[in-house]
Protein backbone atom coordinates (compact mmCIF):
# COMPACT_ATOMS: atom_id res chain seq x y z
CA MET A 1 -7.32 7.63 -4.75
CA ASN A 2 -3.89 6.05 -4.26
CA ILE A 3 -0.50 7.62 -4.85
CA LEU A 4 2.99 6.09 -4.62
CA VAL A 5 5.92 8.33 -3.72
CA SER A 6 9.49 7.14 -4.12
CA GLY A 7 11.51 8.44 -1.20
CA GLY A 8 8.93 10.49 0.65
CA THR A 9 11.02 11.53 3.65
CA ILE A 10 13.31 14.33 2.45
CA PHE A 11 13.40 17.25 0.04
CA VAL A 12 10.53 17.48 -2.46
CA SER A 13 9.07 13.98 -1.98
CA LYS A 14 8.36 14.68 1.71
CA TYR A 15 6.21 17.69 0.83
CA ILE A 16 4.50 15.79 -2.00
CA SER A 17 3.55 12.92 0.33
CA GLU A 18 2.25 15.31 3.01
CA TYR A 19 0.35 17.39 0.43
CA PHE A 20 -1.55 14.41 -0.95
CA ARG A 21 -2.06 12.94 2.52
CA ASP A 22 -3.72 16.20 3.57
CA LEU A 23 -6.02 15.90 0.52
CA ASN A 24 -7.11 12.47 1.87
CA TYR A 25 -5.27 10.40 -0.73
CA ASN A 26 -3.98 6.97 0.26
CA VAL A 27 -0.26 7.76 0.17
CA TYR A 28 2.27 4.94 -0.08
CA ILE A 29 5.93 5.80 0.50
CA PHE A 30 8.53 3.52 -1.02
CA ASN A 31 12.01 3.76 0.51
CA ARG A 32 14.72 1.99 2.51
CA GLY A 33 13.41 3.17 5.87
CA ASN A 34 16.51 5.10 6.89
CA ASN A 35 14.57 8.26 7.82
CA LEU A 36 11.51 9.02 9.89
CA GLN A 37 8.30 8.47 7.89
CA PRO A 38 5.59 11.15 7.79
CA GLU A 39 2.49 10.38 9.84
CA GLY A 40 -0.60 9.11 8.08
CA VAL A 41 1.11 7.39 5.14
CA LYS A 42 1.66 3.73 4.38
CA PHE A 43 5.29 2.63 4.28
CA ILE A 44 6.75 0.12 1.81
CA LYS A 45 10.28 -0.79 2.84
CA ALA A 46 12.45 -1.59 -0.16
CA ASP A 47 15.51 -0.45 -2.06
CA ARG A 48 14.82 0.87 -5.55
CA ASN A 49 18.02 -0.86 -6.67
CA ASN A 50 16.43 -4.26 -5.83
CA LEU A 51 12.98 -3.83 -7.35
CA GLY A 52 13.06 -7.33 -8.82
CA ASP A 53 13.13 -8.85 -5.32
CA VAL A 54 10.27 -6.62 -4.18
CA LEU A 55 8.13 -7.55 -7.18
CA LYS A 56 8.80 -11.28 -6.68
CA LYS A 57 7.74 -11.02 -3.01
CA SER A 58 4.64 -9.06 -3.98
CA LYS A 59 3.70 -11.63 -6.62
CA GLN A 60 4.23 -14.49 -4.14
CA ASN A 61 2.09 -12.72 -1.51
CA GLN A 62 -0.68 -12.24 -4.07
CA LYS A 63 -0.49 -15.93 -5.00
CA ASN A 64 -0.71 -16.93 -1.33
CA ARG A 65 -3.77 -14.68 -0.86
CA ASN A 66 -5.47 -16.29 -3.85
CA GLU A 67 -4.96 -19.75 -2.35
CA LEU A 68 -6.83 -18.90 0.84
CA PRO A 69 -10.28 -20.46 1.10
CA LYS A 70 -13.02 -18.19 -0.16
CA LYS A 71 -15.70 -17.03 2.24
CA THR A 72 -18.96 -18.85 1.83
CA GLU A 73 -21.62 -16.54 0.53
CA MET A 74 -25.05 -16.88 2.01
CA ASN A 75 -28.15 -15.78 0.17
CA TYR A 76 -30.84 -14.44 2.43
CA GLN A 77 -34.35 -14.09 1.11
CA LYS A 78 -36.84 -11.65 2.52
CA LYS A 79 -39.86 -13.20 4.17
CA PRO A 80 -43.10 -12.45 2.33
CA LYS A 81 -45.34 -9.97 4.12
């Protein structure tokens, strides 16, 4: 399961991120990157006051991923016995 924590490096959010990390959640921490990040979490560097810019970048990245060529799927048939 995934969980997103705003902040995640001080006060309550630090303990929340570590708690869920220890329960084997995929923990994503969203902050400006001014403090040391807890080990074992995924870091999203952004300022909550500029969420529009973050969402635009995310949408553009998703669009770029969708434009990549798709892998060719191969169908393998079992040989008759």
